[in-house]
Amino acid sequence: GSLTLSCAASGFTLDYYAIGWFRQAPGKE
């Protein structure tokens, strides 16, 4: 299947940033 995650920023502008998605499963780095 499919899923869409969103990351909303507030308090600063994302224009000059890089945004990363990270994940952590139980017992894993």
PDB file of all heavy atoms in Angstrom:
ATOM      1  N   GLY A   1       0.811  -1.215   0.000  1.00  0.00           N
ATOM      2  CA  GLY A   1       0.000   0.000   0.000  1.00  0.00           C
ATOM      3  C   GLY A   1       0.842   1.262   0.000  1.00  0.00           C
ATOM      4  O   GLY A   1       2.071   1.229  -0.136  1.00  0.00           O
ATOM      5  N   SER A   2       0.145   2.396   0.163  1.00  0.00           N
ATOM      6  CA  SER A   2       0.794   3.703   0.118  1.00  0.00           C
ATOM      7  C   SER A   2       0.390   4.545   1.313  1.00  0.00           C
ATOM      8  O   SER A   2      -0.704   4.366   1.876  1.00  0.00           O
ATOM      9  CB  SER A   2       0.422   4.444  -1.171  1.00  0.00           C
ATOM     10  OG  SER A   2       0.870   3.748  -2.309  1.00  0.00           O
ATOM     11  N   LEU A   3       1.265   5.463   1.649  1.00  0.00           N
ATOM     12  CA  LEU A   3       1.023   6.374   2.761  1.00  0.00           C
ATOM     13  C   LEU A   3       1.826   7.636   2.492  1.00  0.00           C
ATOM     14  O   LEU A   3       2.933   7.557   1.932  1.00  0.00           O
ATOM     15  CB  LEU A   3       1.478   5.733   4.067  1.00  0.00           C
ATOM     16  CG  LEU A   3       0.898   6.230   5.393  1.00  0.00           C
ATOM     17  CD1 LEU A   3      -0.600   5.969   5.453  1.00  0.00           C
ATOM     18  CD2 LEU A   3       1.604   5.526   6.556  1.00  0.00           C
ATOM     19  N   THR A   4       1.279   8.778   2.877  1.00  0.00           N
ATOM     20  CA  THR A   4       2.010  10.031   2.729  1.00  0.00           C
ATOM     21  C   THR A   4       2.192  10.684   4.086  1.00  0.00           C
ATOM     22  O   THR A   4       1.214  10.925   4.805  1.00  0.00           O
ATOM     23  CB  THR A   4       1.267  11.003   1.790  1.00  0.00           C
ATOM     24  OG1 THR A   4       1.126  10.412   0.500  1.00  0.00           O
ATOM     25  CG2 THR A   4       2.062  12.303   1.651  1.00  0.00           C
ATOM     26  N   LEU A   5       3.427  10.949   4.431  1.00  0.00           N
ATOM     27  CA  LEU A   5       3.756  11.672   5.652  1.00  0.00           C
ATOM     28  C   LEU A   5       4.011  13.136   5.328  1.00  0.00           C
ATOM     29  O   LEU A   5       4.494  13.467   4.247  1.00  0.00           O
ATOM     30  CB  LEU A   5       4.999  11.070   6.312  1.00  0.00           C
ATOM     31  CG  LEU A   5       4.978   9.568   6.586  1.00  0.00           C
ATOM     32  CD1 LEU A   5       6.274   9.160   7.292  1.00  0.00           C
ATOM     33  CD2 LEU A   5       3.779   9.177   7.401  1.00  0.00           C
ATOM     34  N   SER A   6       3.691  13.996   6.273  1.00  0.00           N
ATOM     35  CA  SER A   6       3.941  15.426   6.108  1.00  0.00           C
ATOM     36  C   SER A   6       4.744  15.947   7.287  1.00  0.00           C
ATOM     37  O   SER A   6       4.599  15.458   8.408  1.00  0.00           O
ATOM     38  CB  SER A   6       2.624  16.193   6.000  1.00  0.00           C
ATOM     39  OG  SER A   6       1.903  15.791   4.855  1.00  0.00           O
ATOM     40  N   CYS A   7       5.558  16.940   7.008  1.00  0.00           N
ATOM     41  CA  CYS A   7       6.376  17.596   8.023  1.00  0.00           C
ATOM     42  C   CYS A   7       6.145  19.092   7.895  1.00  0.00           C
ATOM     43  O   CYS A   7       6.589  19.703   6.909  1.00  0.00           O
ATOM     44  CB  CYS A   7       7.844  17.247   7.812  1.00  0.00           C
ATOM     45  SG  CYS A   7       8.995  18.143   8.871  1.00  0.00           S
ATOM     46  N   ALA A   8       5.440  19.666   8.849  1.00  0.00           N
ATOM     47  CA  ALA A   8       5.115  21.087   8.811  1.00  0.00           C
ATOM     48  C   ALA A   8       6.020  21.850   9.760  1.00  0.00           C
ATOM     49  O   ALA A   8       6.169  21.468  10.929  1.00  0.00           O
ATOM     50  CB  ALA A   8       3.658  21.307   9.185  1.00  0.00           C
ATOM     51  N   ALA A   9       6.626  22.913   9.249  1.00  0.00           N
ATOM     52  CA  ALA A   9       7.524  23.724  10.060  1.00  0.00           C
ATOM     53  C   ALA A   9       6.834  25.005  10.509  1.00  0.00           C
ATOM     54  O   ALA A   9       6.048  25.601   9.771  1.00  0.00           O
ATOM     55  CB  ALA A   9       8.774  24.069   9.270  1.00  0.00           C
ATOM     56  N   SER A  10       7.147  25.411  11.717  1.00  0.00           N
ATOM     57  CA  SER A  10       6.672  26.694  12.220  1.00  0.00           C
ATOM     58  C   SER A  10       7.791  27.362  13.007  1.00  0.00           C
ATOM     59  O   SER A  10       8.670  26.688  13.534  1.00  0.00           O
ATOM     60  CB  SER A  10       5.430  26.520  13.107  1.00  0.00           C
ATOM     61  OG  SER A  10       5.727  25.705  14.211  1.00  0.00           O
ATOM     62  N   GLY A  11       7.764  28.683  13.049  1.00  0.00           N
ATOM     63  CA  GLY A  11       8.789  29.418  13.774  1.00  0.00           C
ATOM     64  C   GLY A  11      10.029  29.702  12.953  1.00  0.00           C
ATOM     65  O   GLY A  11      10.925  30.406  13.417  1.00  0.00           O
ATOM     66  N   PHE A  12      10.118  29.145  11.768  1.00  0.00           N
ATOM     67  CA  PHE A  12      11.231  29.423  10.869  1.00  0.00           C
ATOM     68  C   PHE A  12      10.810  29.037   9.458  1.00  0.00           C
ATOM     69  O   PHE A  12       9.848  28.295   9.254  1.00  0.00           O
ATOM     70  CB  PHE A  12      12.507  28.675  11.273  1.00  0.00           C
ATOM     71  CG  PHE A  12      12.466  27.183  11.081  1.00  0.00           C
ATOM     72  CD1 PHE A  12      13.240  26.576  10.102  1.00  0.00           C
ATOM     73  CD2 PHE A  12      11.671  26.377  11.887  1.00  0.00           C
ATOM     74  CE1 PHE A  12      13.220  25.200   9.930  1.00  0.00           C
ATOM     75  CE2 PHE A  12      11.634  25.009  11.725  1.00  0.00           C
ATOM     76  CZ  PHE A  12      12.411  24.418  10.741  1.00  0.00           C
ATOM     77  N   THR A  13      11.548  29.536   8.474  1.00  0.00           N
ATOM     78  CA  THR A  13      11.248  29.259   7.070  1.00  0.00           C
ATOM     79  C   THR A  13      12.196  28.186   6.553  1.00  0.00           C
ATOM     80  O   THR A  13      13.407  28.252   6.770  1.00  0.00           O
ATOM     81  CB  THR A  13      11.414  30.542   6.238  1.00  0.00           C
ATOM     82  OG1 THR A  13      10.558  31.565   6.767  1.00  0.00           O
ATOM     83  CG2 THR A  13      11.046  30.294   4.790  1.00  0.00           C
ATOM     84  N   LEU A  14      11.610  27.217   5.849  1.00  0.00           N
ATOM     85  CA  LEU A  14      12.404  26.077   5.388  1.00  0.00           C
ATOM     86  C   LEU A  14      13.280  26.382   4.176  1.00  0.00           C
ATOM     87  O   LEU A  14      14.106  25.556   3.805  1.00  0.00           O
ATOM     88  CB  LEU A  14      11.475  24.917   5.034  1.00  0.00           C
ATOM     89  CG  LEU A  14      10.758  24.227   6.200  1.00  0.00           C
ATOM     90  CD1 LEU A  14       9.880  23.113   5.665  1.00  0.00           C
ATOM     91  CD2 LEU A  14      11.752  23.688   7.206  1.00  0.00           C
ATOM     92  N   ASP A  15      13.114  27.560   3.576  1.00  0.00           N
ATOM     93  CA  ASP A  15      13.738  27.848   2.287  1.00  0.00           C
ATOM     94  C   ASP A  15      15.216  27.498   2.203  1.00  0.00           C
ATOM     95  O   ASP A  15      15.687  27.028   1.175  1.00  0.00           O
ATOM     96  CB  ASP A  15      13.582  29.339   1.963  1.00  0.00           C
ATOM     97  CG  ASP A  15      12.146  29.720   1.720  1.00  0.00           C
ATOM     98  OD1 ASP A  15      11.268  29.091   2.317  1.00  0.00           O
ATOM     99  OD2 ASP A  15      11.906  30.649   0.924  1.00  0.00           O
ATOM    100  N   TYR A  16      15.980  27.737   3.262  1.00  0.00           N
ATOM    101  CA  TYR A  16      17.417  27.518   3.190  1.00  0.00           C
ATOM    102  C   TYR A  16      17.869  26.344   4.045  1.00  0.00           C
ATOM    103  O   TYR A  16      19.013  26.272   4.478  1.00  0.00           O
ATOM    104  CB  TYR A  16      18.156  28.805   3.562  1.00  0.00           C
ATOM    105  CG  TYR A  16      17.857  29.897   2.565  1.00  0.00           C
ATOM    106  CD1 TYR A  16      16.920  30.884   2.835  1.00  0.00           C
ATOM    107  CD2 TYR A  16      18.473  29.890   1.314  1.00  0.00           C
ATOM    108  CE1 TYR A  16      16.616  31.855   1.897  1.00  0.00           C
ATOM    109  CE2 TYR A  16      18.173  30.858   0.371  1.00  0.00           C
ATOM    110  CZ  TYR A  16      17.253  31.834   0.668  1.00  0.00           C
ATOM    111  OH  TYR A  16      16.958  32.786  -0.272  1.00  0.00           O
ATOM    112  N   TYR A  17      16.938  25.425   4.228  1.00  0.00           N
ATOM    113  CA  TYR A  17      17.248  24.216   4.975  1.00  0.00           C
ATOM    114  C   TYR A  17      17.135  23.000   4.061  1.00  0.00           C
ATOM    115  O   TYR A  17      16.477  23.043   3.020  1.00  0.00           O
ATOM    116  CB  TYR A  17      16.270  24.026   6.132  1.00  0.00           C
ATOM    117  CG  TYR A  17      16.504  24.923   7.317  1.00  0.00           C
ATOM    118  CD1 TYR A  17      16.110  26.262   7.294  1.00  0.00           C
ATOM    119  CD2 TYR A  17      17.122  24.439   8.463  1.00  0.00           C
ATOM    120  CE1 TYR A  17      16.337  27.084   8.373  1.00  0.00           C
ATOM    121  CE2 TYR A  17      17.347  25.254   9.555  1.00  0.00           C
ATOM    122  CZ  TYR A  17      16.944  26.573   9.509  1.00  0.00           C
ATOM    123  OH  TYR A  17      17.169  27.391  10.590  1.00  0.00           O
ATOM    124  N   ALA A  18      17.759  21.942   4.489  1.00  0.00           N
ATOM    125  CA  ALA A  18      17.469  20.617   3.944  1.00  0.00           C
ATOM    126  C   ALA A  18      16.632  19.894   4.988  1.00  0.00           C
ATOM    127  O   ALA A  18      16.873  20.030   6.198  1.00  0.00           O
ATOM    128  CB  ALA A  18      18.745  19.845   3.648  1.00  0.00           C
ATOM    129  N   ILE A  19      15.652  19.144   4.506  1.00  0.00           N
ATOM    130  CA  ILE A  19      14.791  18.369   5.388  1.00  0.00           C
ATOM    131  C   ILE A  19      15.013  16.891   5.133  1.00  0.00           C
ATOM    132  O   ILE A  19      14.965  16.429   3.988  1.00  0.00           O
ATOM    133  CB  ILE A  19      13.304  18.703   5.155  1.00  0.00           C
ATOM    134  CG1 ILE A  19      13.058  20.194   5.368  1.00  0.00           C
ATOM    135  CG2 ILE A  19      12.426  17.870   6.085  1.00  0.00           C
ATOM    136  CD1 ILE A  19      13.375  20.676   6.779  1.00  0.00           C
ATOM    137  N   GLY A  20      15.250  16.181   6.206  1.00  0.00           N
ATOM    138  CA  GLY A  20      15.458  14.746   6.103  1.00  0.00           C
ATOM    139  C   GLY A  20      14.344  13.989   6.811  1.00  0.00           C
ATOM    140  O   GLY A  20      13.779  14.466   7.792  1.00  0.00           O
ATOM    141  N   TRP A  21      14.037  12.831   6.253  1.00  0.00           N
ATOM    142  CA  TRP A  21      13.129  11.889   6.932  1.00  0.00           C
ATOM    143  C   TRP A  21      13.975  10.731   7.450  1.00  0.00           C
ATOM    144  O   TRP A  21      14.738  10.117   6.685  1.00  0.00           O
ATOM    145  CB  TRP A  21      12.065  11.372   5.979  1.00  0.00           C
ATOM    146  CG  TRP A  21      10.926  12.322   5.780  1.00  0.00           C
ATOM    147  CD1 TRP A  21      10.744  13.187   4.744  1.00  0.00           C
ATOM    148  CD2 TRP A  21       9.805  12.497   6.648  1.00  0.00           C
ATOM    149  NE1 TRP A  21       9.578  13.903   4.910  1.00  0.00           N
ATOM    150  CE2 TRP A  21       8.974  13.495   6.065  1.00  0.00           C
ATOM    151  CE3 TRP A  21       9.395  11.924   7.853  1.00  0.00           C
ATOM    152  CZ2 TRP A  21       7.792  13.921   6.656  1.00  0.00           C
ATOM    153  CZ3 TRP A  21       8.211  12.350   8.430  1.00  0.00           C
ATOM    154  CH2 TRP A  21       7.419  13.336   7.830  1.00  0.00           C
ATOM    155  N   PHE A  22      13.821  10.439   8.717  1.00  0.00           N
ATOM    156  CA  PHE A  22      14.545   9.357   9.368  1.00  0.00           C
ATOM    157  C   PHE A  22      13.529   8.394   9.962  1.00  0.00           C
ATOM    158  O   PHE A  22      12.373   8.754  10.198  1.00  0.00           O
ATOM    159  CB  PHE A  22      15.450   9.918  10.473  1.00  0.00           C
ATOM    160  CG  PHE A  22      16.519  10.839   9.956  1.00  0.00           C
ATOM    161  CD1 PHE A  22      16.242  12.178   9.698  1.00  0.00           C
ATOM    162  CD2 PHE A  22      17.797  10.374   9.705  1.00  0.00           C
ATOM    163  CE1 PHE A  22      17.214  13.027   9.200  1.00  0.00           C
ATOM    164  CE2 PHE A  22      18.774  11.215   9.212  1.00  0.00           C
ATOM    165  CZ  PHE A  22      18.477  12.535   8.959  1.00  0.00           C
ATOM    166  N   ARG A  23      13.980   7.191  10.225  1.00  0.00           N
ATOM    167  CA  ARG A  23      13.076   6.234  10.848  1.00  0.00           C
ATOM    168  C   ARG A  23      13.836   5.367  11.823  1.00  0.00           C
ATOM    169  O   ARG A  23      15.046   5.157  11.679  1.00  0.00           O
ATOM    170  CB  ARG A  23      12.395   5.372   9.780  1.00  0.00           C
ATOM    171  CG  ARG A  23      13.338   4.525   8.944  1.00  0.00           C
ATOM    172  CD  ARG A  23      12.566   3.882   7.807  1.00  0.00           C
ATOM    173  NE  ARG A  23      13.383   2.943   7.057  1.00  0.00           N
ATOM    174  CZ  ARG A  23      12.943   2.244   6.013  1.00  0.00           C
ATOM    175  NH1 ARG A  23      11.682   2.385   5.598  1.00  0.00           N
ATOM    176  NH2 ARG A  23      13.750   1.404   5.372  1.00  0.00           N
ATOM    177  N   GLN A  24      13.113   4.903  12.820  1.00  0.00           N
ATOM    178  CA  GLN A  24      13.723   4.025  13.816  1.00  0.00           C
ATOM    179  C   GLN A  24      12.726   2.943  14.203  1.00  0.00           C
ATOM    180  O   GLN A  24      11.636   3.237  14.702  1.00  0.00           O
ATOM    181  CB  GLN A  24      14.171   4.800  15.051  1.00  0.00           C
ATOM    182  CG  GLN A  24      14.978   3.959  16.023  1.00  0.00           C
ATOM    183  CD  GLN A  24      15.745   4.795  17.023  1.00  0.00           C
ATOM    184  OE1 GLN A  24      15.407   5.950  17.279  1.00  0.00           O
ATOM    185  NE2 GLN A  24      16.796   4.214  17.582  1.00  0.00           N
ATOM    186  N   ALA A  25      13.119   1.711  13.933  1.00  0.00           N
ATOM    187  CA  ALA A  25      12.312   0.555  14.302  1.00  0.00           C
ATOM    188  C   ALA A  25      12.747   0.076  15.684  1.00  0.00           C
ATOM    189  O   ALA A  25      13.892   0.309  16.097  1.00  0.00           O
ATOM    190  CB  ALA A  25      12.478  -0.547  13.266  1.00  0.00           C
ATOM    191  N   PRO A  26      11.866  -0.627  16.399  1.00  0.00           N
ATOM    192  CA  PRO A  26      12.216  -1.124  17.725  1.00  0.00           C
ATOM    193  C   PRO A  26      13.471  -1.979  17.687  1.00  0.00           C
ATOM    194  O   PRO A  26      13.601  -2.885  16.846  1.00  0.00           O
ATOM    195  CB  PRO A  26      10.993  -1.952  18.123  1.00  0.00           C
ATOM    196  CG  PRO A  26       9.874  -1.372  17.348  1.00  0.00           C
ATOM    197  CD  PRO A  26      10.471  -0.938  16.052  1.00  0.00           C
ATOM    198  N   GLY A  27      14.414  -1.677  18.553  1.00  0.00           N
ATOM    199  CA  GLY A  27      15.631  -2.457  18.636  1.00  0.00           C
ATOM    200  C   GLY A  27      16.655  -2.178  17.558  1.00  0.00           C
ATOM    201  O   GLY A  27      17.694  -2.855  17.497  1.00  0.00           O
ATOM    202  N   LYS A  28      16.371  -1.197  16.712  1.00  0.00           N
ATOM    203  CA  LYS A  28      17.292  -0.880  15.616  1.00  0.00           C
ATOM    204  C   LYS A  28      17.773   0.555  15.721  1.00  0.00           C
ATOM    205  O   LYS A  28      17.148   1.392  16.371  1.00  0.00           O
ATOM    206  CB  LYS A  28      16.616  -1.109  14.266  1.00  0.00           C
ATOM    207  CG  LYS A  28      16.287  -2.565  13.979  1.00  0.00           C
ATOM    208  CD  LYS A  28      15.836  -2.750  12.535  1.00  0.00           C
ATOM    209  CE  LYS A  28      15.608  -4.204  12.227  1.00  0.00           C
ATOM    210  NZ  LYS A  28      15.200  -4.408  10.808  1.00  0.00           N
ATOM    211  N   GLU A  29      18.882   0.829  15.061  1.00  0.00           N
ATOM    212  CA  GLU A  29      19.396   2.190  15.033  1.00  0.00           C
ATOM    213  C   GLU A  29      18.566   3.054  14.090  1.00  0.00           C
ATOM    214  O   GLU A  29      17.925   2.554  13.160  1.00  0.00           O
ATOM    215  CB  GLU A  29      20.860   2.173  14.582  1.00  0.00           C
ATOM    216  CG  GLU A  29      21.796   1.522  15.577  1.00  0.00           C
ATOM    217  CD  GLU A  29      23.254   1.695  15.197  1.00  0.00           C
ATOM    218  OE1 GLU A  29      23.529   2.236  14.110  1.00  0.00           O
ATOM    219  OE2 GLU A  29      24.113   1.288  15.992  1.00  0.00           O
TER     220      GLU A  29
END
